[in-house]
Amino acid sequence: MNARILRKPDSLADDSFPRQSYPPGRILIVNDDTCLGELNAEALRQHGYDANTASDGQAGWEELQTNHYHLLITENDLPGLSGVGLVKKLRAACMPLPVIMVTEALPSWKSPEYSWLLKATRLLKPYSCEELRRMVINVLNAAVSTRKKVAPPPAWQLRPRANRFRP
């Protein structure tokens, strides 16, 4: 199976749909069903997100290595590199990207064997475009608030210490 990465079209959806301006985000959707992946991407584009799709785990991994994304949405059952394998590679590479794992079932979150999955959010099938959109907003908001807590203040400066020794 040839892997394809589908980019968003030059013309976005019509302006009759309300656009979501916050939180901003570039989203990669990895789904072997290209129609469903593109449907989800288009639903997110209509709310102002920059969404791209990849047709399998390996194509998704290559896309994550070459472009910057704020969120990964991946199916668990993918040919070749599975969604769980993709997240495992992501965590092994120390990429703190938030993940939404679309699945029917997933091993226990609390198992030490799957501790690297702790930062992934699970979206159970079947789901609606509205459920997906709400979950994207929640995950991106949580990621933004976490970054704000970790980031140093913008006016961070080092000041020279006063000379403690006198001649």
N, C-alpha and C. Protein backbone atom coordinates (compact mmCIF):
# COMPACT_ATOMS: atom_id res chain seq x y z
N MET A 1 0.84 -1.18 0.00
CA MET A 1 0.00 0.00 0.00
C MET A 1 0.88 1.24 0.00
N ASN A 2 0.69 2.11 -0.95
CA ASN A 2 1.45 3.35 -1.00
C ASN A 2 0.89 4.34 -0.01
N ALA A 3 1.77 4.98 0.74
CA ALA A 3 1.35 5.97 1.71
C ALA A 3 1.24 7.33 1.03
N ARG A 4 0.18 8.03 1.34
CA ARG A 4 0.00 9.37 0.79
C ARG A 4 -0.24 10.34 1.93
N ILE A 5 0.26 11.53 1.76
CA ILE A 5 -0.03 12.61 2.69
C ILE A 5 -0.87 13.60 1.93
N LEU A 6 -2.04 13.85 2.45
CA LEU A 6 -2.97 14.75 1.78
C LEU A 6 -2.90 16.11 2.45
N ARG A 7 -2.67 17.13 1.70
CA ARG A 7 -2.60 18.50 2.21
C ARG A 7 -3.95 19.17 2.04
N LYS A 8 -4.15 20.21 2.85
CA LYS A 8 -5.40 20.92 2.73
C LYS A 8 -5.46 21.66 1.40
N PRO A 9 -6.65 21.80 0.83
CA PRO A 9 -6.78 22.51 -0.44
C PRO A 9 -6.51 23.99 -0.25
N ASP A 10 -6.20 24.66 -1.36
CA ASP A 10 -5.93 26.09 -1.29
C ASP A 10 -7.14 26.88 -0.81
N SER A 11 -8.31 26.46 -1.23
CA SER A 11 -9.51 27.17 -0.79
C SER A 11 -10.11 26.45 0.39
N LEU A 12 -10.30 27.17 1.48
CA LEU A 12 -10.89 26.58 2.67
C LEU A 12 -12.40 26.49 2.50
N ALA A 13 -13.04 25.90 3.48
CA ALA A 13 -14.49 25.76 3.43
C ALA A 13 -15.14 27.14 3.39
N ASP A 14 -16.38 27.17 2.95
CA ASP A 14 -17.04 28.48 2.83
C ASP A 14 -17.18 29.14 4.20
N ASP A 15 -17.45 30.44 4.19
CA ASP A 15 -17.48 31.23 5.42
C ASP A 15 -18.77 31.11 6.20
N SER A 16 -19.68 30.22 5.80
CA SER A 16 -20.94 30.08 6.53
C SER A 16 -20.73 29.33 7.85
N PHE A 17 -19.58 28.64 8.01
CA PHE A 17 -19.29 27.92 9.24
C PHE A 17 -18.53 28.83 10.19
N PRO A 18 -18.88 28.80 11.47
CA PRO A 18 -18.11 29.61 12.43
C PRO A 18 -16.69 29.06 12.55
N ARG A 19 -15.74 29.96 12.68
CA ARG A 19 -14.34 29.54 12.78
C ARG A 19 -13.90 29.59 14.23
N GLN A 20 -13.11 28.61 14.62
CA GLN A 20 -12.53 28.55 15.96
C GLN A 20 -11.17 29.21 15.88
N SER A 21 -10.97 30.30 16.60
CA SER A 21 -9.70 30.99 16.52
C SER A 21 -8.77 30.61 17.67
N TYR A 22 -9.29 30.05 18.74
CA TYR A 22 -8.45 29.66 19.85
C TYR A 22 -8.91 28.33 20.37
N PRO A 23 -8.10 27.43 20.70
CA PRO A 23 -6.65 27.46 20.57
C PRO A 23 -6.22 27.18 19.15
N PRO A 24 -5.18 27.86 18.67
CA PRO A 24 -4.72 27.61 17.31
C PRO A 24 -4.07 26.24 17.24
N GLY A 25 -4.00 25.68 16.07
CA GLY A 25 -3.34 24.40 16.01
C GLY A 25 -3.15 23.85 14.62
N ARG A 26 -2.00 23.22 14.45
CA ARG A 26 -1.73 22.40 13.27
C ARG A 26 -1.93 20.97 13.72
N ILE A 27 -2.77 20.26 13.03
CA ILE A 27 -3.17 18.92 13.44
C ILE A 27 -2.84 17.93 12.33
N LEU A 28 -2.26 16.81 12.73
CA LEU A 28 -2.02 15.71 11.81
C LEU A 28 -2.97 14.58 12.16
N ILE A 29 -3.75 14.13 11.16
CA ILE A 29 -4.68 13.03 11.33
C ILE A 29 -4.13 11.83 10.57
N VAL A 30 -3.88 10.72 11.29
CA VAL A 30 -3.36 9.50 10.67
C VAL A 30 -4.50 8.48 10.67
N ASN A 31 -4.97 8.15 9.46
CA ASN A 31 -6.09 7.22 9.33
C ASN A 31 -5.94 6.48 8.01
N ASP A 32 -6.03 5.14 8.05
CA ASP A 32 -5.89 4.36 6.81
C ASP A 32 -7.12 4.46 5.92
N ASP A 33 -8.24 4.89 6.47
CA ASP A 33 -9.43 5.18 5.67
C ASP A 33 -9.32 6.63 5.23
N THR A 34 -8.81 6.86 4.02
CA THR A 34 -8.52 8.23 3.57
C THR A 34 -9.76 9.11 3.52
N CYS A 35 -10.91 8.52 3.21
CA CYS A 35 -12.15 9.31 3.17
C CYS A 35 -12.51 9.83 4.56
N LEU A 36 -12.44 8.95 5.56
CA LEU A 36 -12.75 9.35 6.93
C LEU A 36 -11.72 10.34 7.46
N GLY A 37 -10.45 10.10 7.16
CA GLY A 37 -9.41 11.03 7.58
C GLY A 37 -9.61 12.41 6.99
N GLU A 38 -9.94 12.47 5.71
CA GLU A 38 -10.16 13.76 5.06
C GLU A 38 -11.44 14.43 5.55
N LEU A 39 -12.47 13.64 5.86
CA LEU A 39 -13.72 14.18 6.43
C LEU A 39 -13.43 14.84 7.77
N ASN A 40 -12.67 14.17 8.63
CA ASN A 40 -12.31 14.75 9.93
C ASN A 40 -11.45 16.00 9.75
N ALA A 41 -10.50 15.94 8.82
CA ALA A 41 -9.65 17.11 8.58
C ALA A 41 -10.47 18.30 8.09
N GLU A 42 -11.40 18.05 7.20
CA GLU A 42 -12.24 19.13 6.68
C GLU A 42 -13.13 19.71 7.78
N ALA A 43 -13.66 18.84 8.65
CA ALA A 43 -14.49 19.33 9.76
C ALA A 43 -13.67 20.24 10.68
N LEU A 44 -12.41 19.91 10.90
CA LEU A 44 -11.56 20.76 11.74
C LEU A 44 -11.13 22.03 11.01
N ARG A 45 -10.91 21.94 9.70
CA ARG A 45 -10.55 23.14 8.91
C ARG A 45 -11.68 24.16 8.95
N GLN A 46 -12.92 23.69 8.96
CA GLN A 46 -14.06 24.60 9.00
C GLN A 46 -14.11 25.39 10.30
N HIS A 47 -13.39 24.94 11.29
CA HIS A 47 -13.32 25.66 12.57
C HIS A 47 -11.98 26.35 12.74
N GLY A 48 -11.22 26.50 11.66
CA GLY A 48 -10.01 27.30 11.68
C GLY A 48 -8.72 26.56 11.96
N TYR A 49 -8.75 25.25 12.05
CA TYR A 49 -7.53 24.49 12.29
C TYR A 49 -6.84 24.17 10.97
N ASP A 50 -5.54 24.03 11.02
CA ASP A 50 -4.74 23.63 9.87
C ASP A 50 -4.53 22.12 10.00
N ALA A 51 -5.34 21.34 9.30
CA ALA A 51 -5.32 19.88 9.45
C ALA A 51 -4.80 19.20 8.19
N ASN A 52 -3.86 18.29 8.37
CA ASN A 52 -3.32 17.46 7.29
C ASN A 52 -3.58 16.00 7.64
N THR A 53 -3.52 15.13 6.62
CA THR A 53 -3.76 13.72 6.86
C THR A 53 -2.60 12.88 6.32
N ALA A 54 -2.43 11.72 6.94
CA ALA A 54 -1.49 10.71 6.47
C ALA A 54 -2.23 9.38 6.46
N SER A 55 -1.90 8.52 5.50
CA SER A 55 -2.68 7.30 5.30
C SER A 55 -2.20 6.09 6.09
N ASP A 56 -1.04 6.17 6.73
CA ASP A 56 -0.60 5.07 7.60
C ASP A 56 0.40 5.59 8.62
N GLY A 57 0.78 4.73 9.56
CA GLY A 57 1.65 5.13 10.65
C GLY A 57 3.01 5.61 10.20
N GLN A 58 3.59 4.93 9.22
CA GLN A 58 4.92 5.32 8.74
C GLN A 58 4.89 6.69 8.06
N ALA A 59 3.87 6.93 7.25
CA ALA A 59 3.74 8.24 6.61
C ALA A 59 3.50 9.32 7.67
N GLY A 60 2.75 9.00 8.70
CA GLY A 60 2.53 9.94 9.81
C GLY A 60 3.82 10.26 10.53
N TRP A 61 4.64 9.23 10.78
CA TRP A 61 5.93 9.43 11.46
C TRP A 61 6.84 10.33 10.64
N GLU A 62 6.90 10.10 9.33
CA GLU A 62 7.72 10.93 8.46
C GLU A 62 7.23 12.37 8.44
N GLU A 63 5.93 12.55 8.43
CA GLU A 63 5.35 13.90 8.45
C GLU A 63 5.67 14.61 9.77
N LEU A 64 5.61 13.89 10.88
CA LEU A 64 5.92 14.48 12.18
C LEU A 64 7.39 14.88 12.29
N GLN A 65 8.25 14.19 11.60
CA GLN A 65 9.67 14.52 11.63
C GLN A 65 10.02 15.71 10.75
N THR A 66 9.20 15.98 9.74
CA THR A 66 9.54 17.07 8.82
C THR A 66 8.75 18.35 9.07
N ASN A 67 7.61 18.27 9.74
CA ASN A 67 6.78 19.45 9.96
C ASN A 67 6.39 19.56 11.43
N HIS A 68 6.07 20.78 11.85
CA HIS A 68 5.68 21.04 13.23
C HIS A 68 4.16 20.93 13.36
N TYR A 69 3.71 20.17 14.35
CA TYR A 69 2.28 20.03 14.64
C TYR A 69 2.04 20.27 16.11
N HIS A 70 0.80 20.69 16.42
CA HIS A 70 0.39 20.91 17.80
C HIS A 70 -0.36 19.72 18.37
N LEU A 71 -0.87 18.83 17.49
CA LEU A 71 -1.69 17.71 17.93
C LEU A 71 -1.63 16.59 16.90
N LEU A 72 -1.62 15.36 17.41
CA LEU A 72 -1.69 14.17 16.56
C LEU A 72 -2.97 13.43 16.88
N ILE A 73 -3.76 13.14 15.86
CA ILE A 73 -4.95 12.29 15.99
C ILE A 73 -4.66 11.06 15.16
N THR A 74 -4.64 9.89 15.80
CA THR A 74 -4.29 8.67 15.08
C THR A 74 -5.23 7.53 15.43
N GLU A 75 -5.50 6.72 14.42
CA GLU A 75 -6.20 5.46 14.63
C GLU A 75 -5.23 4.50 15.30
N ASN A 76 -5.74 3.56 16.06
CA ASN A 76 -4.87 2.55 16.64
C ASN A 76 -4.58 1.46 15.62
N ASP A 77 -5.61 1.00 14.91
CA ASP A 77 -5.46 -0.09 13.95
C ASP A 77 -5.06 0.46 12.59
N LEU A 78 -3.74 0.47 12.34
CA LEU A 78 -3.20 0.95 11.07
C LEU A 78 -2.35 -0.16 10.47
N PRO A 79 -2.27 -0.23 9.15
CA PRO A 79 -1.36 -1.21 8.55
C PRO A 79 0.09 -0.80 8.80
N GLY A 80 0.96 -1.77 9.00
CA GLY A 80 2.36 -1.47 9.26
C GLY A 80 2.54 -0.95 10.67
N LEU A 81 2.96 0.29 10.80
CA LEU A 81 3.16 0.91 12.10
C LEU A 81 1.81 1.30 12.68
N SER A 82 1.41 0.68 13.79
CA SER A 82 0.10 0.96 14.39
C SER A 82 0.11 2.31 15.09
N GLY A 83 -1.06 2.75 15.51
CA GLY A 83 -1.17 4.01 16.25
C GLY A 83 -0.39 3.96 17.55
N VAL A 84 -0.47 2.83 18.26
CA VAL A 84 0.28 2.67 19.51
C VAL A 84 1.78 2.71 19.20
N GLY A 85 2.21 2.05 18.12
CA GLY A 85 3.62 2.08 17.72
C GLY A 85 4.07 3.49 17.36
N LEU A 86 3.19 4.25 16.71
CA LEU A 86 3.51 5.63 16.35
C LEU A 86 3.70 6.49 17.60
N VAL A 87 2.82 6.32 18.57
CA VAL A 87 2.94 7.09 19.82
C VAL A 87 4.19 6.66 20.57
N LYS A 88 4.50 5.38 20.55
CA LYS A 88 5.70 4.89 21.22
C LYS A 88 6.95 5.52 20.59
N LYS A 89 7.00 5.61 19.27
CA LYS A 89 8.13 6.26 18.58
C LYS A 89 8.20 7.75 18.94
N LEU A 90 7.04 8.37 19.01
CA LEU A 90 6.94 9.78 19.35
C LEU A 90 7.53 10.04 20.73
N ARG A 91 7.16 9.21 21.70
CA ARG A 91 7.65 9.38 23.07
C ARG A 91 9.13 9.02 23.18
N ALA A 92 9.57 8.00 22.44
CA ALA A 92 10.99 7.62 22.46
C ALA A 92 11.86 8.74 21.90
N ALA A 93 11.30 9.54 20.97
CA ALA A 93 12.02 10.67 20.39
C ALA A 93 11.87 11.93 21.25
N CYS A 94 11.24 11.79 22.43
CA CYS A 94 11.03 12.92 23.36
C CYS A 94 10.23 14.05 22.74
N MET A 95 9.26 13.70 21.90
CA MET A 95 8.38 14.70 21.31
C MET A 95 7.14 14.81 22.20
N PRO A 96 6.93 15.96 22.86
CA PRO A 96 5.84 16.10 23.82
C PRO A 96 4.48 16.43 23.17
N LEU A 97 4.29 16.02 21.96
CA LEU A 97 3.07 16.31 21.22
C LEU A 97 1.86 15.64 21.86
N PRO A 98 0.77 16.38 22.12
CA PRO A 98 -0.43 15.73 22.62
C PRO A 98 -1.03 14.81 21.56
N VAL A 99 -1.66 13.73 22.00
CA VAL A 99 -2.18 12.71 21.10
C VAL A 99 -3.62 12.38 21.46
N ILE A 100 -4.44 12.25 20.42
CA ILE A 100 -5.78 11.68 20.57
C ILE A 100 -5.74 10.35 19.85
N MET A 101 -5.95 9.26 20.59
CA MET A 101 -5.95 7.92 20.03
C MET A 101 -7.39 7.49 19.76
N VAL A 102 -7.70 7.27 18.48
CA VAL A 102 -9.03 6.83 18.08
C VAL A 102 -9.02 5.30 18.04
N THR A 103 -9.88 4.70 18.85
CA THR A 103 -9.84 3.25 18.98
C THR A 103 -11.16 2.70 19.50
N GLU A 104 -11.31 1.40 19.35
CA GLU A 104 -12.46 0.72 19.96
C GLU A 104 -12.09 0.23 21.34
N ALA A 105 -10.84 -0.15 21.54
CA ALA A 105 -10.34 -0.61 22.83
C ALA A 105 -8.85 -0.33 22.90
N LEU A 106 -8.34 -0.14 24.09
CA LEU A 106 -6.93 0.15 24.30
C LEU A 106 -6.50 -0.50 25.59
N PRO A 107 -5.28 -0.99 25.68
CA PRO A 107 -4.82 -1.57 26.94
C PRO A 107 -4.95 -0.58 28.09
N SER A 108 -4.98 -1.07 29.29
CA SER A 108 -5.16 -0.24 30.48
C SER A 108 -4.14 0.89 30.53
N TRP A 109 -4.60 2.08 30.83
CA TRP A 109 -3.73 3.24 30.95
C TRP A 109 -2.77 3.09 32.13
N LYS A 110 -3.18 2.40 33.16
CA LYS A 110 -2.39 2.34 34.38
C LYS A 110 -1.31 1.27 34.34
N SER A 111 -1.29 0.46 33.32
CA SER A 111 -0.30 -0.60 33.22
C SER A 111 1.08 0.01 33.01
N PRO A 112 2.11 -0.46 33.78
CA PRO A 112 3.46 0.09 33.60
C PRO A 112 4.01 -0.17 32.21
N GLU A 113 3.52 -1.21 31.55
CA GLU A 113 3.96 -1.53 30.21
C GLU A 113 3.59 -0.42 29.21
N TYR A 114 2.51 0.32 29.50
CA TYR A 114 2.05 1.36 28.59
C TYR A 114 2.18 2.75 29.22
N SER A 115 3.16 2.95 30.09
CA SER A 115 3.31 4.24 30.77
C SER A 115 3.57 5.38 29.78
N TRP A 116 4.18 5.11 28.63
CA TRP A 116 4.46 6.13 27.63
C TRP A 116 3.17 6.62 26.95
N LEU A 117 2.05 5.92 27.17
CA LEU A 117 0.77 6.35 26.59
C LEU A 117 0.01 7.31 27.50
N LEU A 118 0.55 7.62 28.67
CA LEU A 118 -0.21 8.39 29.64
C LEU A 118 -0.69 9.74 29.13
N LYS A 119 0.06 10.37 28.24
CA LYS A 119 -0.34 11.68 27.77
C LYS A 119 -1.29 11.62 26.57
N ALA A 120 -1.71 10.43 26.19
CA ALA A 120 -2.64 10.30 25.08
C ALA A 120 -4.08 10.33 25.61
N THR A 121 -4.96 10.91 24.84
CA THR A 121 -6.38 10.93 25.15
C THR A 121 -7.06 9.95 24.22
N ARG A 122 -8.06 9.26 24.72
CA ARG A 122 -8.73 8.22 23.95
C ARG A 122 -10.08 8.72 23.45
N LEU A 123 -10.34 8.52 22.16
CA LEU A 123 -11.63 8.83 21.54
C LEU A 123 -12.19 7.52 21.01
N LEU A 124 -13.31 7.10 21.58
CA LEU A 124 -13.88 5.81 21.22
C LEU A 124 -14.77 5.92 19.98
N LYS A 125 -14.68 4.90 19.13
CA LYS A 125 -15.54 4.79 17.95
C LYS A 125 -16.89 4.27 18.38
N PRO A 126 -17.94 4.61 17.73
CA PRO A 126 -18.09 5.67 16.74
C PRO A 126 -18.18 7.04 17.43
N TYR A 127 -17.78 8.07 16.74
CA TYR A 127 -17.80 9.42 17.28
C TYR A 127 -18.30 10.37 16.20
N SER A 128 -18.79 11.51 16.63
CA SER A 128 -19.28 12.52 15.68
C SER A 128 -18.18 13.57 15.46
N CYS A 129 -18.34 14.37 14.43
CA CYS A 129 -17.39 15.46 14.16
C CYS A 129 -17.41 16.46 15.32
N GLU A 130 -18.56 16.66 15.92
CA GLU A 130 -18.67 17.58 17.06
C GLU A 130 -17.90 17.04 18.27
N GLU A 131 -17.99 15.75 18.53
CA GLU A 131 -17.21 15.15 19.63
C GLU A 131 -15.72 15.30 19.37
N LEU A 132 -15.31 15.08 18.15
CA LEU A 132 -13.90 15.24 17.78
C LEU A 132 -13.46 16.69 17.99
N ARG A 133 -14.27 17.63 17.52
CA ARG A 133 -13.92 19.05 17.66
C ARG A 133 -13.80 19.45 19.13
N ARG A 134 -14.75 19.01 19.97
CA ARG A 134 -14.69 19.34 21.40
C ARG A 134 -13.44 18.75 22.05
N MET A 135 -13.10 17.52 21.68
CA MET A 135 -11.92 16.90 22.26
C MET A 135 -10.65 17.64 21.81
N VAL A 136 -10.59 18.06 20.55
CA VAL A 136 -9.44 18.82 20.05
C VAL A 136 -9.29 20.11 20.85
N ILE A 137 -10.38 20.82 21.07
CA ILE A 137 -10.33 22.06 21.84
C ILE A 137 -9.82 21.79 23.26
N ASN A 138 -10.35 20.75 23.90
CA ASN A 138 -9.93 20.44 25.28
C ASN A 138 -8.45 20.07 25.34
N VAL A 139 -7.99 19.24 24.42
CA VAL A 139 -6.59 18.81 24.44
C VAL A 139 -5.66 19.97 24.14
N LEU A 140 -5.99 20.80 23.15
CA LEU A 140 -5.13 21.94 22.82
C LEU A 140 -5.13 22.98 23.94
N ASN A 141 -6.28 23.21 24.57
CA ASN A 141 -6.32 24.13 25.72
C ASN A 141 -5.44 23.63 26.85
N ALA A 142 -5.51 22.34 27.14
CA ALA A 142 -4.67 21.76 28.19
C ALA A 142 -3.20 21.89 27.84
N ALA A 143 -2.85 21.67 26.57
CA ALA A 143 -1.45 21.79 26.13
C ALA A 143 -0.96 23.22 26.26
N VAL A 144 -1.80 24.19 25.91
CA VAL A 144 -1.42 25.60 26.01
C VAL A 144 -1.21 25.99 27.46
N SER A 145 -2.10 25.57 28.36
CA SER A 145 -1.96 25.93 29.77
C SER A 145 -0.75 25.26 30.39
N THR A 146 -0.41 24.04 29.95
CA THR A 146 0.78 23.36 30.45
C THR A 146 2.04 24.09 29.99
N ARG A 147 2.07 24.53 28.74
CA ARG A 147 3.23 25.27 28.23
C ARG A 147 3.42 26.57 28.98
N LYS A 148 2.32 27.25 29.34
CA LYS A 148 2.43 28.51 30.06
C LYS A 148 3.03 28.30 31.44
N LYS A 149 2.71 27.18 32.09
CA LYS A 149 3.24 26.91 33.42
C LYS A 149 4.73 26.60 33.36
N VAL A 150 5.18 25.98 32.28
CA VAL A 150 6.57 25.55 32.18
C VAL A 150 7.47 26.64 31.62
N ALA A 151 6.95 27.48 30.75
CA ALA A 151 7.77 28.49 30.08
C ALA A 151 8.25 29.56 31.06
N PRO A 152 9.48 30.05 30.91
CA PRO A 152 9.97 31.11 31.79
C PRO A 152 9.27 32.42 31.45
N PRO A 153 9.25 33.37 32.39
CA PRO A 153 8.63 34.65 32.10
C PRO A 153 9.37 35.35 30.97
N PRO A 154 8.65 36.16 30.16
CA PRO A 154 9.28 36.79 29.00
C PRO A 154 10.40 37.75 29.36
N ALA A 155 10.38 38.36 30.53
CA ALA A 155 11.39 39.34 30.90
C ALA A 155 12.51 38.69 31.71
N TRP A 156 12.77 37.43 31.47
CA TRP A 156 13.79 36.69 32.20
C TRP A 156 15.17 37.28 31.90
N GLN A 157 15.87 37.69 32.96
CA GLN A 157 17.20 38.27 32.78
C GLN A 157 18.12 37.78 33.88
N LEU A 158 19.37 37.68 33.56
CA LEU A 158 20.37 37.37 34.57
C LEU A 158 20.99 38.68 35.01
N ARG A 159 21.03 38.88 36.30
CA ARG A 159 21.64 40.09 36.83
C ARG A 159 22.98 39.73 37.46
N PRO A 160 23.97 40.58 37.26
CA PRO A 160 25.26 40.28 37.91
C PRO A 160 25.13 40.39 39.42
N ARG A 161 25.78 39.48 40.11
CA ARG A 161 25.76 39.52 41.57
C ARG A 161 26.64 40.67 42.07
N ALA A 162 26.25 41.23 43.18
CA ALA A 162 27.07 42.29 43.78
C ALA A 162 28.36 41.69 44.29
N ASN A 163 29.41 42.46 44.22
CA ASN A 163 30.71 41.99 44.68
C ASN A 163 30.67 41.78 46.19
N ARG A 164 30.88 40.55 46.62
CA ARG A 164 30.80 40.27 48.05
C ARG A 164 32.13 40.56 48.75
N PHE A 165 33.18 40.68 48.03
CA PHE A 165 34.50 40.85 48.63
C PHE A 165 34.92 42.33 48.50
N ARG A 166 35.47 42.82 49.58
CA ARG A 166 36.00 44.20 49.56
C ARG A 166 37.51 44.16 49.72
N PRO A 167 38.20 45.01 48.99
CA PRO A 167 39.66 45.02 49.14
C PRO A 167 40.11 45.50 50.49
